[in-house]
């Protein structure tokens, strides 16, 4: 029986959101300044008066724009070493360890940026579908390639990735409204399964 597992990352496998954690780890001084500057936007976001993708892009860009790909990759590797496995839910790690890789394809499907999720996906031997950072001339432009990998975009990206492959069962794991479409699309879905 061929199965496809689709795991959301932040909150589903981890205890906390990795975006703030990573940006703070990347440059704590810059993070503090930019966080304070972005408080009005975060408030508007909470009140649903601002576009989440725009605010996210703006905040990430304020810290990482212009940084070289090699520096970002190095920092992401250090971030992984610093926070793995402590930010993960123990039962999620146990579950992942027990997956029989013979007949199961596994994807992490995350709205977080590929730059910091990639080392974790590699550790789990999973393919990664996430929001993609755009680099030009080896520098981060502050933009994303394509859409923020959230909501309906998660399903689009999975379909694109598995193009033509047949699965007897598709199982999805999520914990927020951003996973709703993916959970609805799968044959079997688990909400807050590892909580």
C-alpha atoms as a PDB file:
ATOM      1  CA  UNK A   1       0.000   0.000   0.000  1.00  0.00           C
ATOM      2  CA  UNK A   2       1.542   3.275  -1.119  1.00  0.00           C
ATOM      3  CA  UNK A   3       1.024   6.229   1.189  1.00  0.00           C
ATOM      4  CA  UNK A   4       1.793   9.920   1.085  1.00  0.00           C
ATOM      5  CA  UNK A   5       2.378  11.783   4.362  1.00  0.00           C
ATOM      6  CA  UNK A   6       2.097  15.589   4.346  1.00  0.00           C
ATOM      7  CA  UNK A   7       3.247  17.320   7.521  1.00  0.00           C
ATOM      8  CA  UNK A   8       2.805  20.966   8.332  1.00  0.00           C
ATOM      9  CA  UNK A   9       5.925  22.151  10.176  1.00  0.00           C
ATOM     10  CA  UNK A  10       5.404  25.044  12.623  1.00  0.00           C
ATOM     11  CA  UNK A  11       3.181  24.101  15.544  1.00  0.00           C
ATOM     12  CA  UNK A  12       2.423  20.655  14.126  1.00  0.00           C
ATOM     13  CA  UNK A  13       5.882  19.107  14.488  1.00  0.00           C
ATOM     14  CA  UNK A  14       7.402  21.922  16.553  1.00  0.00           C
ATOM     15  CA  UNK A  15       6.318  23.555  19.814  1.00  0.00           C
ATOM     16  CA  UNK A  16       6.766  27.049  18.422  1.00  0.00           C
ATOM     17  CA  UNK A  17       6.827  29.143  15.286  1.00  0.00           C
ATOM     18  CA  UNK A  18      10.295  29.031  13.760  1.00  0.00           C
ATOM     19  CA  UNK A  19      10.199  32.309  11.835  1.00  0.00           C
ATOM     20  CA  UNK A  20      10.677  34.585  14.855  1.00  0.00           C
ATOM     21  CA  UNK A  21      13.090  32.113  16.411  1.00  0.00           C
ATOM     22  CA  UNK A  22      15.262  31.990  13.289  1.00  0.00           C
ATOM     23  CA  UNK A  23      15.277  35.739  12.625  1.00  0.00           C
ATOM     24  CA  UNK A  24      16.220  36.438  16.250  1.00  0.00           C
ATOM     25  CA  UNK A  25      18.962  33.794  16.015  1.00  0.00           C
ATOM     26  CA  UNK A  26      20.203  35.304  12.750  1.00  0.00           C
ATOM     27  CA  UNK A  27      20.731  38.803  14.101  1.00  0.00           C
ATOM     28  CA  UNK A  28      19.374  39.537  17.576  1.00  0.00           C
ATOM     29  CA  UNK A  29      20.115  43.287  17.537  1.00  0.00           C
ATOM     30  CA  UNK A  30      18.511  43.865  14.138  1.00  0.00           C
ATOM     31  CA  UNK A  31      15.612  41.614  15.149  1.00  0.00           C
ATOM     32  CA  UNK A  32      14.819  43.727  18.245  1.00  0.00           C
ATOM     33  CA  UNK A  33      14.786  46.967  16.254  1.00  0.00           C
ATOM     34  CA  UNK A  34      12.670  45.542  13.419  1.00  0.00           C
ATOM     35  CA  UNK A  35      10.287  43.765  15.770  1.00  0.00           C
ATOM     36  CA  UNK A  36       9.495  47.065  17.518  1.00  0.00           C
ATOM     37  CA  UNK A  37       9.066  48.798  14.135  1.00  0.00           C
ATOM     38  CA  UNK A  38       6.679  46.065  12.987  1.00  0.00           C
ATOM     39  CA  UNK A  39       4.455  46.021  16.099  1.00  0.00           C
ATOM     40  CA  UNK A  40       1.750  48.188  14.421  1.00  0.00           C
ATOM     41  CA  UNK A  41       1.649  45.744  11.493  1.00  0.00           C
ATOM     42  CA  UNK A  42       1.485  42.739  13.821  1.00  0.00           C
ATOM     43  CA  UNK A  43      -1.465  44.371  15.608  1.00  0.00           C
ATOM     44  CA  UNK A  44      -3.254  44.971  12.283  1.00  0.00           C
ATOM     45  CA  UNK A  45      -2.567  41.347  11.428  1.00  0.00           C
ATOM     46  CA  UNK A  46      -4.129  40.138  14.696  1.00  0.00           C
ATOM     47  CA  UNK A  47      -7.177  42.269  13.903  1.00  0.00           C
ATOM     48  CA  UNK A  48      -7.222  40.766  10.384  1.00  0.00           C
ATOM     49  CA  UNK A  49      -6.708  44.216   8.860  1.00  0.00           C
ATOM     50  CA  UNK A  50      -3.411  43.422   7.151  1.00  0.00           C
ATOM     51  CA  UNK A  51      -2.342  40.816   4.622  1.00  0.00           C
ATOM     52  CA  UNK A  52      -0.348  38.060   6.362  1.00  0.00           C
ATOM     53  CA  UNK A  53       1.874  37.367   3.371  1.00  0.00           C
ATOM     54  CA  UNK A  54       2.821  41.043   2.989  1.00  0.00           C
ATOM     55  CA  UNK A  55       3.586  41.488   6.692  1.00  0.00           C
ATOM     56  CA  UNK A  56       5.639  38.274   6.745  1.00  0.00           C
ATOM     57  CA  UNK A  57       7.607  39.285   3.641  1.00  0.00           C
ATOM     58  CA  UNK A  58       8.170  42.751   5.030  1.00  0.00           C
ATOM     59  CA  UNK A  59       9.452  41.487   8.375  1.00  0.00           C
ATOM     60  CA  UNK A  60      11.738  38.775   6.948  1.00  0.00           C
ATOM     61  CA  UNK A  61      13.059  41.213   4.359  1.00  0.00           C
ATOM     62  CA  UNK A  62      13.834  43.850   7.030  1.00  0.00           C
ATOM     63  CA  UNK A  63      16.335  41.414   8.578  1.00  0.00           C
ATOM     64  CA  UNK A  64      17.597  39.207   5.745  1.00  0.00           C
ATOM     65  CA  UNK A  65      17.438  41.320   2.564  1.00  0.00           C
ATOM     66  CA  UNK A  66      20.832  41.668   0.917  1.00  0.00           C
ATOM     67  CA  UNK A  67      22.369  38.809   2.898  1.00  0.00           C
ATOM     68  CA  UNK A  68      24.425  36.311   0.895  1.00  0.00           C
ATOM     69  CA  UNK A  69      23.130  32.829   0.220  1.00  0.00           C
ATOM     70  CA  UNK A  70      26.204  31.213   1.769  1.00  0.00           C
ATOM     71  CA  UNK A  71      25.853  33.209   5.011  1.00  0.00           C
ATOM     72  CA  UNK A  72      22.138  32.393   5.231  1.00  0.00           C
ATOM     73  CA  UNK A  73      22.810  28.697   4.621  1.00  0.00           C
ATOM     74  CA  UNK A  74      25.575  28.667   7.243  1.00  0.00           C
ATOM     75  CA  UNK A  75      23.290  30.364   9.773  1.00  0.00           C
ATOM     76  CA  UNK A  76      20.470  27.923   8.958  1.00  0.00           C
ATOM     77  CA  UNK A  77      22.777  24.994   9.632  1.00  0.00           C
ATOM     78  CA  UNK A  78      23.806  26.524  12.980  1.00  0.00           C
ATOM     79  CA  UNK A  79      20.146  27.200  13.764  1.00  0.00           C
ATOM     80  CA  UNK A  80      19.397  23.535  13.123  1.00  0.00           C
ATOM     81  CA  UNK A  81      22.255  22.417  15.398  1.00  0.00           C
ATOM     82  CA  UNK A  82      21.110  24.794  18.128  1.00  0.00           C
ATOM     83  CA  UNK A  83      17.403  23.901  18.124  1.00  0.00           C
ATOM     84  CA  UNK A  84      17.201  20.276  17.030  1.00  0.00           C
ATOM     85  CA  UNK A  85      15.631  18.277  18.603  1.00  0.00           C
ATOM     86  CA  UNK A  86      14.471  20.557  21.442  1.00  0.00           C
ATOM     87  CA  UNK A  87      11.857  22.577  19.520  1.00  0.00           C
ATOM     88  CA  UNK A  88      10.118  19.422  18.313  1.00  0.00           C
ATOM     89  CA  UNK A  89       7.244  17.591  19.915  1.00  0.00           C
ATOM     90  CA  UNK A  90       8.632  14.310  21.237  1.00  0.00           C
ATOM     91  CA  UNK A  91       5.779  12.170  19.927  1.00  0.00           C
ATOM     92  CA  UNK A  92       6.187  13.773  16.488  1.00  0.00           C
ATOM     93  CA  UNK A  93       9.850  12.725  16.426  1.00  0.00           C
ATOM     94  CA  UNK A  94       8.916   9.206  17.548  1.00  0.00           C
ATOM     95  CA  UNK A  95       6.251   8.991  14.854  1.00  0.00           C
ATOM     96  CA  UNK A  96       8.689  10.131  12.141  1.00  0.00           C
ATOM     97  CA  UNK A  97      11.318   7.600  13.260  1.00  0.00           C
ATOM     98  CA  UNK A  98       8.811   4.760  12.866  1.00  0.00           C
ATOM     99  CA  UNK A  99       7.746   5.599   9.304  1.00  0.00           C
ATOM    100  CA  UNK A 100       8.421   2.729   6.931  1.00  0.00           C
ATOM    101  CA  UNK A 101      10.154   4.509   4.041  1.00  0.00           C
ATOM    102  CA  UNK A 102       9.648   1.590   1.654  1.00  0.00           C
ATOM    103  CA  UNK A 103       6.102   2.500   0.656  1.00  0.00           C
ATOM    104  CA  UNK A 104       5.683   5.965   2.069  1.00  0.00           C
ATOM    105  CA  UNK A 105       6.573   9.341   0.551  1.00  0.00           C
ATOM    106  CA  UNK A 106       6.968  12.124   3.109  1.00  0.00           C
ATOM    107  CA  UNK A 107       6.733  15.863   2.618  1.00  0.00           C
ATOM    108  CA  UNK A 108       7.045  18.805   4.967  1.00  0.00           C
ATOM    109  CA  UNK A 109       4.567  21.384   3.654  1.00  0.00           C
ATOM    110  CA  UNK A 110       5.303  24.702   5.313  1.00  0.00           C
ATOM    111  CA  UNK A 111       4.561  28.401   5.007  1.00  0.00           C
ATOM    112  CA  UNK A 112       7.963  29.009   6.610  1.00  0.00           C
ATOM    113  CA  UNK A 113      10.888  29.854   4.343  1.00  0.00           C
ATOM    114  CA  UNK A 114      12.898  27.061   2.750  1.00  0.00           C
ATOM    115  CA  UNK A 115      16.136  28.625   3.985  1.00  0.00           C
ATOM    116  CA  UNK A 116      15.665  27.588   7.594  1.00  0.00           C
ATOM    117  CA  UNK A 117      13.349  24.568   7.232  1.00  0.00           C
ATOM    118  CA  UNK A 118      15.635  22.741   4.741  1.00  0.00           C
ATOM    119  CA  UNK A 119      18.129  21.345   7.319  1.00  0.00           C
ATOM    120  CA  UNK A 120      15.238  19.851   9.348  1.00  0.00           C
ATOM    121  CA  UNK A 121      13.653  18.269   6.242  1.00  0.00           C
ATOM    122  CA  UNK A 122      17.057  16.778   5.412  1.00  0.00           C
ATOM    123  CA  UNK A 123      17.378  15.344   8.926  1.00  0.00           C
ATOM    124  CA  UNK A 124      13.933  13.728   8.594  1.00  0.00           C
ATOM    125  CA  UNK A 125      14.707  12.500   5.046  1.00  0.00           C
ATOM    126  CA  UNK A 126      11.626  14.298   3.791  1.00  0.00           C
ATOM    127  CA  UNK A 127      11.031  16.356   0.695  1.00  0.00           C
ATOM    128  CA  UNK A 128      10.333  20.020   1.380  1.00  0.00           C
ATOM    129  CA  UNK A 129       7.530  22.158  -0.034  1.00  0.00           C
ATOM    130  CA  UNK A 130       7.672  25.612   1.493  1.00  0.00           C
ATOM    131  CA  UNK A 131       7.711  29.319   0.801  1.00  0.00           C
ATOM    132  CA  UNK A 132      10.766  29.912  -1.386  1.00  0.00           C
ATOM    133  CA  UNK A 133      13.285  32.698  -0.863  1.00  0.00           C
ATOM    134  CA  UNK A 134      14.439  34.513  -3.989  1.00  0.00           C
ATOM    135  CA  UNK A 135      18.154  35.040  -4.559  1.00  0.00           C
ATOM    136  CA  UNK A 136      19.733  37.199  -7.261  1.00  0.00           C
ATOM    137  CA  UNK A 137      23.504  37.356  -7.692  1.00  0.00           C
ATOM    138  CA  UNK A 138      23.811  35.251  -4.553  1.00  0.00           C
ATOM    139  CA  UNK A 139      21.922  37.820  -2.430  1.00  0.00           C
ATOM    140  CA  UNK A 140      18.463  37.452  -0.871  1.00  0.00           C
ATOM    141  CA  UNK A 141      16.163  39.931  -2.627  1.00  0.00           C
ATOM    142  CA  UNK A 142      13.639  40.039   0.213  1.00  0.00           C
ATOM    143  CA  UNK A 143      11.054  38.512  -2.116  1.00  0.00           C
ATOM    144  CA  UNK A 144       9.515  35.066  -2.407  1.00  0.00           C
ATOM    145  CA  UNK A 145       9.463  32.897  -5.533  1.00  0.00           C
ATOM    146  CA  UNK A 146       5.794  32.268  -6.207  1.00  0.00           C
ATOM    147  CA  UNK A 147       3.217  32.353  -3.450  1.00  0.00           C
ATOM    148  CA  UNK A 148       3.422  31.956   0.299  1.00  0.00           C
ATOM    149  CA  UNK A 149       2.994  28.182   0.819  1.00  0.00           C
ATOM    150  CA  UNK A 150      -0.172  28.422   2.909  1.00  0.00           C
ATOM    151  CA  UNK A 151      -3.859  27.551   2.583  1.00  0.00           C
ATOM    152  CA  UNK A 152      -4.834  26.420  -0.915  1.00  0.00           C
ATOM    153  CA  UNK A 153      -1.244  26.921  -2.095  1.00  0.00           C
ATOM    154  CA  UNK A 154      -0.203  23.933   0.057  1.00  0.00           C
ATOM    155  CA  UNK A 155      -2.488  21.651  -1.982  1.00  0.00           C
ATOM    156  CA  UNK A 156      -1.298  23.186  -5.280  1.00  0.00           C
ATOM    157  CA  UNK A 157       2.329  22.572  -4.354  1.00  0.00           C
ATOM    158  CA  UNK A 158       1.707  18.958  -3.272  1.00  0.00           C
ATOM    159  CA  UNK A 159      -0.175  18.195  -6.499  1.00  0.00           C
ATOM    160  CA  UNK A 160       2.648  19.745  -8.512  1.00  0.00           C
ATOM    161  CA  UNK A 161       5.266  17.700  -6.606  1.00  0.00           C
ATOM    162  CA  UNK A 162       3.530  14.318  -6.883  1.00  0.00           C
ATOM    163  CA  UNK A 163       2.459  14.928 -10.490  1.00  0.00           C
ATOM    164  CA  UNK A 164       1.248  11.629 -11.901  1.00  0.00           C
ATOM    165  CA  UNK A 165       2.183   9.508  -8.876  1.00  0.00           C
ATOM    166  CA  UNK A 166      -0.551   7.277  -7.503  1.00  0.00           C
ATOM    167  CA  UNK A 167      -1.106   6.806  -3.774  1.00  0.00           C
ATOM    168  CA  UNK A 168      -3.545   4.472  -2.053  1.00  0.00           C
ATOM    169  CA  UNK A 169      -3.807   6.892   0.838  1.00  0.00           C
ATOM    170  CA  UNK A 170      -2.874  10.523   1.468  1.00  0.00           C
ATOM    171  CA  UNK A 171      -2.500  11.466   5.126  1.00  0.00           C
ATOM    172  CA  UNK A 172      -2.113  15.069   6.276  1.00  0.00           C
ATOM    173  CA  UNK A 173      -1.136  16.606   9.613  1.00  0.00           C
ATOM    174  CA  UNK A 174      -1.805  20.233  10.525  1.00  0.00           C
ATOM    175  CA  UNK A 175      -2.658  22.560  13.391  1.00  0.00           C
ATOM    176  CA  UNK A 176      -3.993  25.873  12.027  1.00  0.00           C
ATOM    177  CA  UNK A 177      -6.462  27.341   9.531  1.00  0.00           C
ATOM    178  CA  UNK A 178      -3.539  27.588   7.078  1.00  0.00           C
ATOM    179  CA  UNK A 179      -3.673  23.776   6.864  1.00  0.00           C
ATOM    180  CA  UNK A 180      -7.437  23.546   6.342  1.00  0.00           C
ATOM    181  CA  UNK A 181      -7.351  22.970   2.570  1.00  0.00           C
ATOM    182  CA  UNK A 182      -4.592  20.376   2.856  1.00  0.00           C
ATOM    183  CA  UNK A 183      -6.487  18.524   5.605  1.00  0.00           C
ATOM    184  CA  UNK A 184      -9.700  18.616   3.562  1.00  0.00           C
ATOM    185  CA  UNK A 185      -7.921  17.364   0.430  1.00  0.00           C
ATOM    186  CA  UNK A 186      -6.231  14.359   2.094  1.00  0.00           C
ATOM    187  CA  UNK A 187      -7.984  10.976   2.512  1.00  0.00           C
ATOM    188  CA  UNK A 188      -7.146  11.017   6.187  1.00  0.00           C
ATOM    189  CA  UNK A 189      -6.388  14.126   8.202  1.00  0.00           C
ATOM    190  CA  UNK A 190      -5.116  14.744  11.699  1.00  0.00           C
ATOM    191  CA  UNK A 191      -5.527  18.094  13.444  1.00  0.00           C
ATOM    192  CA  UNK A 192      -3.154  18.764  16.372  1.00  0.00           C
ATOM    193  CA  UNK A 193      -2.305  15.045  16.290  1.00  0.00           C
ATOM    194  CA  UNK A 194       0.997  15.432  18.161  1.00  0.00           C
ATOM    195  CA  UNK A 195      -0.245  18.021  20.688  1.00  0.00           C
END
